[in-house]
Amino acid sequence: MSGERDTNILKKPDPTPHTCGEPTLTRREISVLLLVSEGFTNKQLAQELGISESTAAEHVQNAMRKTQAKTRAGLVLFGVRSGIILVPGSNSTVPKRPPAIIQISRRSPQKESVA
């Protein structure tokens, strides 16, 4: 990651854990899920959150275990399906009280300039 992030992404989770049905993710696991959805590696998660790389990996594994995700992509899919991550224009249903939401903007392809 070059340090640049989409300004449409809000990564601050609600102060309460995600409790819209099972499973329940902690605030930290939600933060990790949001960063994973941006493509962060465990090393980058650790740097961003001020924790060790092994602790970052543990948070990812805990979130994956709770959501029964087999991969990081599966974890992100859980986030989309549960309303933690909103994709504009999608037909995703949103829980009545979304705990932590990020919006992923659909970027239009850059037009190549012909010189």
C-alpha atoms as a PDB file:
ATOM      1  CA  MET A   1       0.000   0.000   0.000  1.00  0.00           C
ATOM      2  CA  SER A   2       1.366   3.378  -0.878  1.00  0.00           C
ATOM      3  CA  GLY A   3      -0.403   5.075   2.009  1.00  0.00           C
ATOM      4  CA  GLU A   4      -3.144   6.384  -0.278  1.00  0.00           C
ATOM      5  CA  ARG A   5      -6.668   5.331   0.569  1.00  0.00           C
ATOM      6  CA  ASP A   6      -9.989   5.976  -1.036  1.00  0.00           C
ATOM      7  CA  THR A   7     -11.519   8.951   0.762  1.00  0.00           C
ATOM      8  CA  ASN A   8     -14.964   7.344   0.500  1.00  0.00           C
ATOM      9  CA  ILE A   9     -13.919   4.621   2.914  1.00  0.00           C
ATOM     10  CA  LEU A  10     -14.862   5.167   6.525  1.00  0.00           C
ATOM     11  CA  LYS A  11     -12.905   2.795   8.719  1.00  0.00           C
ATOM     12  CA  LYS A  12     -14.045   3.913  12.135  1.00  0.00           C
ATOM     13  CA  PRO A  13     -16.302   1.217  13.549  1.00  0.00           C
ATOM     14  CA  ASP A  14     -19.216   1.971  15.831  1.00  0.00           C
ATOM     15  CA  PRO A  15     -18.211   1.697  19.513  1.00  0.00           C
ATOM     16  CA  THR A  16     -20.345  -1.417  19.896  1.00  0.00           C
ATOM     17  CA  PRO A  17     -19.420  -4.822  18.480  1.00  0.00           C
ATOM     18  CA  HIS A  18     -21.318  -6.201  15.501  1.00  0.00           C
ATOM     19  CA  THR A  19     -24.239  -8.079  17.009  1.00  0.00           C
ATOM     20  CA  CYS A  20     -26.707  -8.387  14.149  1.00  0.00           C
ATOM     21  CA  GLY A  21     -27.288 -12.109  14.622  1.00  0.00           C
ATOM     22  CA  GLU A  22     -24.429 -14.580  14.794  1.00  0.00           C
ATOM     23  CA  PRO A  23     -21.481 -14.305  14.787  1.00  0.00           C
ATOM     24  CA  THR A  24     -20.446 -11.425  17.036  1.00  0.00           C
ATOM     25  CA  LEU A  25     -17.287  -9.595  16.040  1.00  0.00           C
ATOM     26  CA  THR A  26     -15.403  -7.366  18.452  1.00  0.00           C
ATOM     27  CA  ARG A  27     -14.576  -3.753  17.628  1.00  0.00           C
ATOM     28  CA  ARG A  28     -10.994  -4.770  16.871  1.00  0.00           C
ATOM     29  CA  GLU A  29     -12.124  -7.606  14.591  1.00  0.00           C
ATOM     30  CA  ILE A  30     -14.361  -5.160  12.727  1.00  0.00           C
ATOM     31  CA  SER A  31     -11.426  -2.760  12.339  1.00  0.00           C
ATOM     32  CA  VAL A  32      -9.310  -5.631  11.036  1.00  0.00           C
ATOM     33  CA  LEU A  33     -12.085  -6.711   8.653  1.00  0.00           C
ATOM     34  CA  LEU A  34     -12.316  -3.185   7.231  1.00  0.00           C
ATOM     35  CA  LEU A  35      -8.559  -3.023   6.681  1.00  0.00           C
ATOM     36  CA  VAL A  36      -8.491  -6.512   5.164  1.00  0.00           C
ATOM     37  CA  SER A  37     -11.161  -5.310   2.737  1.00  0.00           C
ATOM     38  CA  GLU A  38      -8.668  -2.635   1.636  1.00  0.00           C
ATOM     39  CA  GLY A  39      -6.083  -5.330   0.925  1.00  0.00           C
ATOM     40  CA  PHE A  40      -3.898  -4.908   4.008  1.00  0.00           C
ATOM     41  CA  THR A  41      -1.433  -7.691   4.828  1.00  0.00           C
ATOM     42  CA  ASN A  42      -0.863  -8.780   8.435  1.00  0.00           C
ATOM     43  CA  LYS A  43       2.289  -6.657   8.513  1.00  0.00           C
ATOM     44  CA  GLN A  44       0.376  -3.612   7.271  1.00  0.00           C
ATOM     45  CA  LEU A  45      -2.435  -4.293   9.762  1.00  0.00           C
ATOM     46  CA  ALA A  46       0.116  -4.358  12.565  1.00  0.00           C
ATOM     47  CA  GLN A  47       1.638  -1.056  11.481  1.00  0.00           C
ATOM     48  CA  GLU A  48      -1.746   0.630  11.056  1.00  0.00           C
ATOM     49  CA  LEU A  49      -3.127  -0.584  14.402  1.00  0.00           C
ATOM     50  CA  GLY A  50       0.084  -0.309  16.429  1.00  0.00           C
ATOM     51  CA  ILE A  51       0.171  -4.005  17.323  1.00  0.00           C
ATOM     52  CA  SER A  52       2.530  -6.887  16.584  1.00  0.00           C
ATOM     53  CA  GLU A  53       2.252  -8.817  13.351  1.00  0.00           C
ATOM     54  CA  SER A  54       1.387 -11.990  15.243  1.00  0.00           C
ATOM     55  CA  THR A  55      -1.414 -10.190  17.108  1.00  0.00           C
ATOM     56  CA  ALA A  56      -2.745  -8.869  13.791  1.00  0.00           C
ATOM     57  CA  ALA A  57      -2.695 -12.409  12.378  1.00  0.00           C
ATOM     58  CA  GLU A  58      -4.534 -13.643  15.483  1.00  0.00           C
ATOM     59  CA  HIS A  59      -7.284 -11.029  15.032  1.00  0.00           C
ATOM     60  CA  VAL A  60      -7.701 -12.069  11.384  1.00  0.00           C
ATOM     61  CA  GLN A  61      -7.848 -15.753  12.355  1.00  0.00           C
ATOM     62  CA  ASN A  62     -10.383 -15.065  15.138  1.00  0.00           C
ATOM     63  CA  ALA A  63     -12.630 -13.132  12.737  1.00  0.00           C
ATOM     64  CA  MET A  64     -12.309 -15.889  10.132  1.00  0.00           C
ATOM     65  CA  ARG A  65     -13.109 -18.572  12.706  1.00  0.00           C
ATOM     66  CA  LYS A  66     -16.181 -16.686  13.982  1.00  0.00           C
ATOM     67  CA  THR A  67     -17.489 -16.065  10.478  1.00  0.00           C
ATOM     68  CA  GLN A  68     -16.504 -19.527   9.219  1.00  0.00           C
ATOM     69  CA  ALA A  69     -14.533 -17.866   6.419  1.00  0.00           C
ATOM     70  CA  LYS A  70     -11.848 -20.040   4.868  1.00  0.00           C
ATOM     71  CA  THR A  71     -10.006 -17.126   3.239  1.00  0.00           C
ATOM     72  CA  ARG A  72      -9.541 -13.389   3.685  1.00  0.00           C
ATOM     73  CA  ALA A  73     -11.803 -12.916   0.657  1.00  0.00           C
ATOM     74  CA  GLY A  74     -14.459 -14.957   2.449  1.00  0.00           C
ATOM     75  CA  LEU A  75     -14.082 -12.688   5.457  1.00  0.00           C
ATOM     76  CA  VAL A  76     -14.682  -9.633   3.263  1.00  0.00           C
ATOM     77  CA  LEU A  77     -17.679 -11.368   1.686  1.00  0.00           C
ATOM     78  CA  PHE A  78     -19.095 -11.860   5.181  1.00  0.00           C
ATOM     79  CA  GLY A  79     -18.607  -8.122   5.766  1.00  0.00           C
ATOM     80  CA  VAL A  80     -20.561  -7.273   2.623  1.00  0.00           C
ATOM     81  CA  ARG A  81     -23.344  -9.778   3.283  1.00  0.00           C
ATOM     82  CA  SER A  82     -23.734  -8.709   6.913  1.00  0.00           C
ATOM     83  CA  GLY A  83     -23.857  -4.976   6.147  1.00  0.00           C
ATOM     84  CA  ILE A  84     -20.522  -4.089   7.712  1.00  0.00           C
ATOM     85  CA  ILE A  85     -19.260  -3.174   4.241  1.00  0.00           C
ATOM     86  CA  LEU A  86     -21.647  -1.451   1.832  1.00  0.00           C
ATOM     87  CA  VAL A  87     -21.065  -1.550  -1.896  1.00  0.00           C
ATOM     88  CA  PRO A  88     -23.039   1.251  -3.586  1.00  0.00           C
ATOM     89  CA  GLY A  89     -25.373  -0.029  -6.272  1.00  0.00           C
ATOM     90  CA  SER A  90     -25.446  -3.541  -4.871  1.00  0.00           C
ATOM     91  CA  ASN A  91     -28.593  -5.349  -3.807  1.00  0.00           C
ATOM     92  CA  SER A  92     -27.171  -6.075  -0.351  1.00  0.00           C
ATOM     93  CA  THR A  93     -29.618  -5.779   2.477  1.00  0.00           C
ATOM     94  CA  VAL A  94     -28.562  -3.614   5.367  1.00  0.00           C
ATOM     95  CA  PRO A  95     -29.257  -4.550   8.993  1.00  0.00           C
ATOM     96  CA  LYS A  96     -31.636  -2.242  10.869  1.00  0.00           C
ATOM     97  CA  ARG A  97     -28.762  -0.935  12.967  1.00  0.00           C
ATOM     98  CA  PRO A  98     -25.543  -1.205  10.964  1.00  0.00           C
ATOM     99  CA  PRO A  99     -22.671  -1.274  13.472  1.00  0.00           C
ATOM    100  CA  ALA A 100     -19.801  -0.237  11.237  1.00  0.00           C
ATOM    101  CA  ILE A 101     -20.091   0.654   7.610  1.00  0.00           C
ATOM    102  CA  ILE A 102     -17.558   1.455   4.957  1.00  0.00           C
ATOM    103  CA  GLN A 103     -18.435   2.422   1.470  1.00  0.00           C
ATOM    104  CA  ILE A 104     -16.452   1.147  -1.445  1.00  0.00           C
ATOM    105  CA  SER A 105     -16.762   3.478  -4.385  1.00  0.00           C
ATOM    106  CA  ARG A 106     -16.707   2.052  -7.858  1.00  0.00           C
ATOM    107  CA  ARG A 107     -13.882   3.762  -9.631  1.00  0.00           C
ATOM    108  CA  SER A 108     -14.258   4.424 -13.312  1.00  0.00           C
ATOM    109  CA  PRO A 109     -11.256   3.392 -15.381  1.00  0.00           C
ATOM    110  CA  GLN A 110      -8.743   6.148 -15.999  1.00  0.00           C
ATOM    111  CA  LYS A 111      -8.864   7.427 -19.556  1.00  0.00           C
ATOM    112  CA  GLU A 112      -5.538   7.115 -21.258  1.00  0.00           C
ATOM    113  CA  SER A 113      -4.343  10.292 -22.857  1.00  0.00           C
ATOM    114  CA  VAL A 114      -3.054   9.967 -26.365  1.00  0.00           C
ATOM    115  CA  ALA A 115      -0.158  12.299 -27.050  1.00  0.00           C
END
